[in-house]
Amino acid sequence: MRSTAALLLLLLTAPAPATAVEYIKARCATLLKGASASDVERVLAMLTEDAVIEHPKFGQSVRGKDEIRRGMMSHLRDYTGDQHDSGIVVLSSIEAPGVIAFRTNTAFAVGEGAERKVIGRDGLTIVQVSGSQISRLIEY
């Protein structure tokens, strides 16, 4: 049975909205080998029905929980890492009313055997919270 723990280091400069922190934790679980639909549903439970996830680098915008679910589910089988080499490290954050920006390092493993690679990416994730749910994410 896989561990549900994921690499998460919070070195926050200000207290983050609980929903945004929980989102990062839940998102970590979706990067692990054996991640399931229930892991994706934990992430989706934090989003508004009409949530938007934007990926400016790729010119992509994903709208609504159904489309977000499809996108996340399409990648689950690709991940082959465990909590030691896959997850999200929050390096710093800055907060304003209704929004928090996380400077992150995301790592995930793909492939098996000699084809296995651990990919690491530095990024910026901006989380917009409406009430107690996330309405918009921008991932740079």
N, C-alpha and C. Protein backbone atom coordinates (compact mmCIF):
# COMPACT_ATOMS: atom_id res chain seq x y z
N MET A 1 0.85 -1.18 0.00
CA MET A 1 0.00 0.00 0.00
C MET A 1 0.89 1.24 0.00
N ARG A 2 0.58 2.16 -0.87
CA ARG A 2 1.41 3.35 -0.98
C ARG A 2 1.18 4.28 0.20
N SER A 3 2.18 5.02 0.52
CA SER A 3 2.07 6.01 1.58
C SER A 3 1.31 7.21 1.03
N THR A 4 0.45 7.79 1.84
CA THR A 4 -0.28 8.98 1.40
C THR A 4 0.49 10.25 1.70
N ALA A 5 1.63 10.08 2.37
CA ALA A 5 2.46 11.25 2.66
C ALA A 5 3.10 11.73 1.38
N ALA A 6 3.27 13.02 1.27
CA ALA A 6 3.93 13.60 0.10
C ALA A 6 4.89 14.66 0.58
N LEU A 7 5.86 14.94 -0.24
CA LEU A 7 6.85 15.95 0.09
C LEU A 7 6.18 17.31 0.12
N LEU A 8 6.15 17.91 1.29
CA LEU A 8 5.55 19.23 1.42
C LEU A 8 6.28 19.98 2.50
N LEU A 9 6.91 21.05 2.13
CA LEU A 9 7.65 21.88 3.07
C LEU A 9 7.06 23.27 2.98
N LEU A 10 6.50 23.74 4.08
CA LEU A 10 5.91 25.06 4.07
C LEU A 10 6.80 26.02 4.81
N LEU A 11 7.40 26.92 4.08
CA LEU A 11 8.21 27.99 4.65
C LEU A 11 7.50 29.28 4.30
N LEU A 12 6.36 29.49 4.92
CA LEU A 12 5.50 30.59 4.53
C LEU A 12 5.89 31.88 5.22
N THR A 13 5.78 32.96 4.50
CA THR A 13 6.08 34.27 5.06
C THR A 13 4.86 34.86 5.77
N ALA A 14 3.68 34.34 5.49
CA ALA A 14 2.45 34.78 6.14
C ALA A 14 1.52 33.58 6.22
N PRO A 15 0.60 33.56 7.18
CA PRO A 15 -0.33 32.44 7.25
C PRO A 15 -1.15 32.34 5.97
N ALA A 16 -1.17 31.19 5.37
CA ALA A 16 -1.90 31.00 4.12
C ALA A 16 -3.34 30.59 4.41
N PRO A 17 -4.27 30.96 3.52
CA PRO A 17 -5.62 30.45 3.69
C PRO A 17 -5.60 28.93 3.72
N ALA A 18 -6.32 28.35 4.67
CA ALA A 18 -6.30 26.90 4.86
C ALA A 18 -6.63 26.15 3.58
N THR A 19 -7.57 26.65 2.80
CA THR A 19 -7.96 25.97 1.57
C THR A 19 -6.78 25.88 0.60
N ALA A 20 -6.00 26.92 0.48
CA ALA A 20 -4.86 26.92 -0.44
C ALA A 20 -3.80 25.93 0.01
N VAL A 21 -3.53 25.87 1.30
CA VAL A 21 -2.55 24.92 1.84
C VAL A 21 -3.05 23.49 1.65
N GLU A 22 -4.32 23.26 1.93
CA GLU A 22 -4.89 21.91 1.75
C GLU A 22 -4.87 21.51 0.28
N TYR A 23 -5.07 22.46 -0.61
CA TYR A 23 -4.98 22.17 -2.04
C TYR A 23 -3.59 21.65 -2.39
N ILE A 24 -2.56 22.33 -1.93
CA ILE A 24 -1.18 21.90 -2.23
C ILE A 24 -0.95 20.49 -1.69
N LYS A 25 -1.38 20.23 -0.48
CA LYS A 25 -1.22 18.89 0.11
C LYS A 25 -1.94 17.84 -0.73
N ALA A 26 -3.19 18.12 -1.09
CA ALA A 26 -3.97 17.16 -1.88
C ALA A 26 -3.37 16.97 -3.26
N ARG A 27 -2.88 18.03 -3.84
CA ARG A 27 -2.26 17.95 -5.17
C ARG A 27 -1.02 17.07 -5.15
N CYS A 28 -0.27 17.11 -4.04
CA CYS A 28 0.91 16.24 -3.90
C CYS A 28 0.53 14.78 -4.09
N ALA A 29 -0.56 14.36 -3.48
CA ALA A 29 -0.98 12.96 -3.55
C ALA A 29 -1.27 12.52 -4.98
N THR A 30 -1.67 13.45 -5.85
CA THR A 30 -1.98 13.09 -7.23
C THR A 30 -0.73 12.88 -8.08
N LEU A 31 0.44 13.22 -7.54
CA LEU A 31 1.70 13.05 -8.27
C LEU A 31 2.40 11.74 -7.96
N LEU A 32 1.81 10.93 -7.08
CA LEU A 32 2.44 9.69 -6.63
C LEU A 32 1.97 8.48 -7.43
N LYS A 33 2.83 7.50 -7.52
CA LYS A 33 2.47 6.23 -8.15
C LYS A 33 1.26 5.67 -7.40
N GLY A 34 0.30 5.19 -8.14
CA GLY A 34 -0.88 4.62 -7.52
C GLY A 34 -1.94 5.64 -7.14
N ALA A 35 -1.73 6.91 -7.51
CA ALA A 35 -2.75 7.92 -7.25
C ALA A 35 -4.04 7.46 -7.94
N SER A 36 -5.17 7.79 -7.30
CA SER A 36 -6.45 7.28 -7.79
C SER A 36 -7.45 8.40 -8.01
N ALA A 37 -8.60 8.01 -8.51
CA ALA A 37 -9.69 8.96 -8.71
C ALA A 37 -10.08 9.63 -7.40
N SER A 38 -9.97 8.92 -6.30
CA SER A 38 -10.33 9.53 -5.01
C SER A 38 -9.35 10.63 -4.63
N ASP A 39 -8.09 10.50 -5.03
CA ASP A 39 -7.11 11.58 -4.81
C ASP A 39 -7.50 12.82 -5.62
N VAL A 40 -7.91 12.60 -6.85
CA VAL A 40 -8.35 13.70 -7.71
C VAL A 40 -9.60 14.34 -7.12
N GLU A 41 -10.52 13.55 -6.63
CA GLU A 41 -11.76 14.09 -6.05
C GLU A 41 -11.48 14.93 -4.81
N ARG A 42 -10.45 14.58 -4.03
CA ARG A 42 -10.07 15.41 -2.88
C ARG A 42 -9.63 16.80 -3.34
N VAL A 43 -8.91 16.85 -4.44
CA VAL A 43 -8.49 18.14 -5.00
C VAL A 43 -9.73 18.90 -5.49
N LEU A 44 -10.57 18.23 -6.23
CA LEU A 44 -11.74 18.88 -6.82
C LEU A 44 -12.72 19.39 -5.77
N ALA A 45 -12.77 18.74 -4.62
CA ALA A 45 -13.69 19.17 -3.56
C ALA A 45 -13.35 20.57 -3.06
N MET A 46 -12.14 21.03 -3.31
CA MET A 46 -11.72 22.35 -2.85
C MET A 46 -12.00 23.45 -3.88
N LEU A 47 -12.48 23.05 -5.05
CA LEU A 47 -12.70 23.99 -6.14
C LEU A 47 -14.18 24.33 -6.31
N THR A 48 -14.45 25.54 -6.77
CA THR A 48 -15.81 25.90 -7.14
C THR A 48 -16.18 25.12 -8.40
N GLU A 49 -17.47 24.98 -8.67
CA GLU A 49 -17.92 24.23 -9.86
C GLU A 49 -17.37 24.83 -11.15
N ASP A 50 -17.22 26.15 -11.18
CA ASP A 50 -16.75 26.82 -12.40
C ASP A 50 -15.29 27.27 -12.30
N ALA A 51 -14.53 26.59 -11.46
CA ALA A 51 -13.12 26.93 -11.27
C ALA A 51 -12.36 26.93 -12.59
N VAL A 52 -11.32 27.74 -12.64
CA VAL A 52 -10.48 27.85 -13.83
C VAL A 52 -9.03 27.58 -13.41
N ILE A 53 -8.34 26.74 -14.18
CA ILE A 53 -6.91 26.54 -14.00
C ILE A 53 -6.23 26.99 -15.28
N GLU A 54 -5.34 27.96 -15.14
CA GLU A 54 -4.65 28.52 -16.30
C GLU A 54 -3.19 28.11 -16.29
N HIS A 55 -2.68 27.80 -17.48
CA HIS A 55 -1.27 27.45 -17.69
C HIS A 55 -0.74 28.39 -18.77
N PRO A 56 -0.37 29.63 -18.40
CA PRO A 56 0.05 30.62 -19.41
C PRO A 56 1.20 30.15 -20.30
N LYS A 57 2.15 29.41 -19.76
CA LYS A 57 3.30 28.96 -20.56
C LYS A 57 2.86 28.11 -21.75
N PHE A 58 1.78 27.36 -21.56
CA PHE A 58 1.29 26.46 -22.61
C PHE A 58 0.07 27.03 -23.33
N GLY A 59 -0.37 28.24 -22.93
CA GLY A 59 -1.53 28.85 -23.55
C GLY A 59 -2.81 28.08 -23.29
N GLN A 60 -2.89 27.42 -22.15
CA GLN A 60 -4.03 26.57 -21.83
C GLN A 60 -4.84 27.13 -20.68
N SER A 61 -6.14 26.94 -20.76
CA SER A 61 -7.05 27.29 -19.69
C SER A 61 -8.07 26.16 -19.58
N VAL A 62 -8.21 25.63 -18.38
CA VAL A 62 -9.14 24.52 -18.14
C VAL A 62 -10.26 25.06 -17.26
N ARG A 63 -11.51 24.90 -17.72
CA ARG A 63 -12.65 25.50 -17.03
C ARG A 63 -13.63 24.44 -16.54
N GLY A 64 -14.01 24.54 -15.27
CA GLY A 64 -15.03 23.67 -14.69
C GLY A 64 -14.45 22.36 -14.17
N LYS A 65 -15.11 21.85 -13.14
CA LYS A 65 -14.62 20.63 -12.48
C LYS A 65 -14.54 19.43 -13.41
N ASP A 66 -15.51 19.28 -14.32
CA ASP A 66 -15.49 18.11 -15.21
C ASP A 66 -14.26 18.11 -16.10
N GLU A 67 -13.93 19.27 -16.66
CA GLU A 67 -12.75 19.36 -17.54
C GLU A 67 -11.46 19.21 -16.73
N ILE A 68 -11.43 19.79 -15.53
CA ILE A 68 -10.25 19.65 -14.66
C ILE A 68 -10.07 18.18 -14.28
N ARG A 69 -11.15 17.50 -13.94
CA ARG A 69 -11.10 16.07 -13.60
C ARG A 69 -10.51 15.27 -14.76
N ARG A 70 -11.03 15.51 -15.97
CA ARG A 70 -10.52 14.78 -17.15
C ARG A 70 -9.02 14.99 -17.32
N GLY A 71 -8.58 16.22 -17.19
CA GLY A 71 -7.16 16.51 -17.35
C GLY A 71 -6.30 15.82 -16.30
N MET A 72 -6.73 15.89 -15.04
CA MET A 72 -5.94 15.26 -13.97
C MET A 72 -5.93 13.74 -14.12
N MET A 73 -7.08 13.16 -14.44
CA MET A 73 -7.17 11.70 -14.57
C MET A 73 -6.31 11.19 -15.73
N SER A 74 -6.15 12.00 -16.77
CA SER A 74 -5.39 11.55 -17.94
C SER A 74 -3.90 11.37 -17.63
N HIS A 75 -3.42 11.93 -16.53
CA HIS A 75 -1.99 11.85 -16.20
C HIS A 75 -1.68 10.88 -15.07
N LEU A 76 -2.66 10.41 -14.33
CA LEU A 76 -2.39 9.62 -13.12
C LEU A 76 -1.50 8.41 -13.38
N ARG A 77 -1.73 7.69 -14.44
CA ARG A 77 -0.97 6.46 -14.70
C ARG A 77 0.47 6.73 -15.12
N ASP A 78 0.78 7.97 -15.47
CA ASP A 78 2.14 8.33 -15.89
C ASP A 78 3.11 8.40 -14.71
N TYR A 79 2.60 8.70 -13.53
CA TYR A 79 3.45 8.96 -12.37
C TYR A 79 3.93 7.66 -11.73
N THR A 80 5.25 7.60 -11.47
CA THR A 80 5.85 6.38 -10.93
C THR A 80 6.65 6.64 -9.65
N GLY A 81 6.54 7.82 -9.10
CA GLY A 81 7.34 8.19 -7.93
C GLY A 81 6.62 7.94 -6.62
N ASP A 82 7.39 8.02 -5.54
CA ASP A 82 6.83 7.94 -4.20
C ASP A 82 7.07 9.27 -3.49
N GLN A 83 6.75 9.33 -2.22
CA GLN A 83 6.85 10.59 -1.47
C GLN A 83 8.28 11.08 -1.34
N HIS A 84 9.27 10.26 -1.67
CA HIS A 84 10.67 10.69 -1.57
C HIS A 84 11.14 11.46 -2.80
N ASP A 85 10.51 11.23 -3.95
CA ASP A 85 10.95 11.93 -5.15
C ASP A 85 9.84 12.67 -5.89
N SER A 86 8.66 12.69 -5.32
CA SER A 86 7.54 13.37 -5.96
C SER A 86 6.79 14.21 -4.94
N GLY A 87 6.40 15.40 -5.36
CA GLY A 87 5.62 16.26 -4.48
C GLY A 87 5.84 17.72 -4.81
N ILE A 88 5.37 18.56 -3.93
CA ILE A 88 5.47 20.00 -4.12
C ILE A 88 6.13 20.60 -2.89
N VAL A 89 7.19 21.33 -3.12
CA VAL A 89 7.86 22.06 -2.04
C VAL A 89 7.47 23.52 -2.20
N VAL A 90 6.87 24.08 -1.16
CA VAL A 90 6.54 25.50 -1.16
C VAL A 90 7.74 26.24 -0.59
N LEU A 91 8.36 27.07 -1.41
CA LEU A 91 9.56 27.78 -1.01
C LEU A 91 9.24 29.09 -0.30
N SER A 92 8.20 29.75 -0.73
CA SER A 92 7.77 30.99 -0.10
C SER A 92 6.36 31.30 -0.57
N SER A 93 5.75 32.27 0.08
CA SER A 93 4.42 32.69 -0.33
C SER A 93 4.23 34.15 0.00
N ILE A 94 3.25 34.72 -0.67
CA ILE A 94 2.84 36.08 -0.37
C ILE A 94 1.33 36.10 -0.52
N GLU A 95 0.68 36.83 0.37
CA GLU A 95 -0.77 36.79 0.43
C GLU A 95 -1.36 38.19 0.34
N ALA A 96 -2.50 38.28 -0.33
CA ALA A 96 -3.31 39.49 -0.38
C ALA A 96 -4.75 39.02 -0.15
N PRO A 97 -5.67 39.91 0.12
CA PRO A 97 -7.05 39.47 0.36
C PRO A 97 -7.59 38.60 -0.78
N GLY A 98 -7.97 37.38 -0.46
CA GLY A 98 -8.58 36.47 -1.44
C GLY A 98 -7.62 35.76 -2.37
N VAL A 99 -6.31 35.99 -2.22
CA VAL A 99 -5.35 35.36 -3.13
C VAL A 99 -4.04 35.10 -2.41
N ILE A 100 -3.39 34.02 -2.80
CA ILE A 100 -2.05 33.72 -2.29
C ILE A 100 -1.22 33.20 -3.44
N ALA A 101 0.04 33.59 -3.47
CA ALA A 101 0.97 33.11 -4.49
C ALA A 101 2.02 32.26 -3.79
N PHE A 102 2.23 31.05 -4.30
CA PHE A 102 3.23 30.14 -3.78
C PHE A 102 4.37 30.03 -4.79
N ARG A 103 5.59 30.25 -4.34
CA ARG A 103 6.77 29.92 -5.17
C ARG A 103 7.09 28.48 -4.83
N THR A 104 7.13 27.63 -5.84
CA THR A 104 7.20 26.19 -5.60
C THR A 104 8.31 25.50 -6.40
N ASN A 105 8.61 24.30 -5.95
CA ASN A 105 9.36 23.35 -6.75
C ASN A 105 8.52 22.09 -6.76
N THR A 106 8.10 21.68 -7.94
CA THR A 106 7.29 20.48 -8.10
C THR A 106 8.16 19.40 -8.74
N ALA A 107 8.11 18.20 -8.18
CA ALA A 107 8.87 17.08 -8.73
C ALA A 107 7.93 15.89 -8.91
N PHE A 108 8.17 15.13 -9.97
CA PHE A 108 7.40 13.92 -10.19
C PHE A 108 8.24 12.97 -11.04
N ALA A 109 8.01 11.69 -10.84
CA ALA A 109 8.73 10.67 -11.59
C ALA A 109 7.81 10.06 -12.64
N VAL A 110 8.38 9.79 -13.80
CA VAL A 110 7.65 9.12 -14.87
C VAL A 110 8.55 8.03 -15.44
N GLY A 111 7.94 7.00 -16.01
CA GLY A 111 8.69 5.92 -16.62
C GLY A 111 9.14 4.89 -15.61
N GLU A 112 9.64 3.79 -16.13
CA GLU A 112 10.12 2.67 -15.30
C GLU A 112 11.52 2.27 -15.75
N GLY A 113 12.26 1.64 -14.86
CA GLY A 113 13.57 1.10 -15.18
C GLY A 113 14.51 2.16 -15.74
N ALA A 114 15.19 1.79 -16.83
CA ALA A 114 16.17 2.70 -17.44
C ALA A 114 15.51 3.94 -18.03
N GLU A 115 14.21 3.88 -18.28
CA GLU A 115 13.46 5.00 -18.85
C GLU A 115 12.92 5.97 -17.79
N ARG A 116 13.13 5.63 -16.52
CA ARG A 116 12.57 6.44 -15.43
C ARG A 116 13.30 7.77 -15.31
N LYS A 117 12.51 8.86 -15.19
CA LYS A 117 13.06 10.19 -15.03
C LYS A 117 12.31 10.89 -13.89
N VAL A 118 13.05 11.64 -13.09
CA VAL A 118 12.43 12.52 -12.11
C VAL A 118 12.53 13.93 -12.68
N ILE A 119 11.40 14.55 -12.83
CA ILE A 119 11.32 15.88 -13.43
C ILE A 119 11.04 16.89 -12.33
N GLY A 120 11.82 17.94 -12.30
CA GLY A 120 11.61 19.00 -11.32
C GLY A 120 11.37 20.32 -12.03
N ARG A 121 10.43 21.07 -11.50
CA ARG A 121 10.10 22.35 -12.10
C ARG A 121 9.92 23.41 -11.02
N ASP A 122 10.59 24.53 -11.19
CA ASP A 122 10.32 25.67 -10.33
C ASP A 122 9.11 26.39 -10.91
N GLY A 123 8.28 26.92 -10.05
CA GLY A 123 7.10 27.58 -10.57
C GLY A 123 6.49 28.55 -9.58
N LEU A 124 5.43 29.13 -10.04
CA LEU A 124 4.64 30.06 -9.24
C LEU A 124 3.19 29.63 -9.42
N THR A 125 2.52 29.38 -8.31
CA THR A 125 1.10 29.03 -8.35
C THR A 125 0.33 30.12 -7.63
N ILE A 126 -0.59 30.72 -8.32
CA ILE A 126 -1.44 31.76 -7.74
C ILE A 126 -2.80 31.14 -7.50
N VAL A 127 -3.26 31.23 -6.26
CA VAL A 127 -4.52 30.61 -5.84
C VAL A 127 -5.48 31.72 -5.44
N GLN A 128 -6.61 31.79 -6.15
CA GLN A 128 -7.65 32.76 -5.80
C GLN A 128 -8.76 32.01 -5.08
N VAL A 129 -9.10 32.48 -3.88
CA VAL A 129 -10.10 31.83 -3.05
C VAL A 129 -11.34 32.70 -2.98
N SER A 130 -12.49 32.07 -3.22
CA SER A 130 -13.79 32.73 -3.09
C SER A 130 -14.54 32.02 -1.97
N GLY A 131 -14.75 32.71 -0.88
CA GLY A 131 -15.36 32.06 0.28
C GLY A 131 -14.41 31.03 0.83
N SER A 132 -14.83 29.78 0.82
CA SER A 132 -13.97 28.71 1.33
C SER A 132 -13.47 27.79 0.22
N GLN A 133 -13.68 28.19 -1.05
CA GLN A 133 -13.25 27.34 -2.16
C GLN A 133 -12.36 28.12 -3.13
N ILE A 134 -11.60 27.36 -3.89
CA ILE A 134 -10.70 27.95 -4.88
C ILE A 134 -11.47 28.15 -6.18
N SER A 135 -11.41 29.38 -6.70
CA SER A 135 -12.12 29.68 -7.94
C SER A 135 -11.19 29.78 -9.15
N ARG A 136 -9.91 30.02 -8.87
CA ARG A 136 -8.96 30.19 -9.98
C ARG A 136 -7.56 29.83 -9.51
N LEU A 137 -6.85 29.12 -10.36
CA LEU A 137 -5.44 28.79 -10.16
C LEU A 137 -4.69 29.20 -11.42
N ILE A 138 -3.57 29.86 -11.24
CA ILE A 138 -2.71 30.18 -12.37
C ILE A 138 -1.37 29.53 -12.05
N GLU A 139 -0.94 28.63 -12.92
CA GLU A 139 0.30 27.88 -12.71
C GLU A 139 1.34 28.27 -13.74
N TYR A 140 2.36 28.98 -13.27
CA TYR A 140 3.46 29.40 -14.14
C TYR A 140 4.61 28.43 -13.99
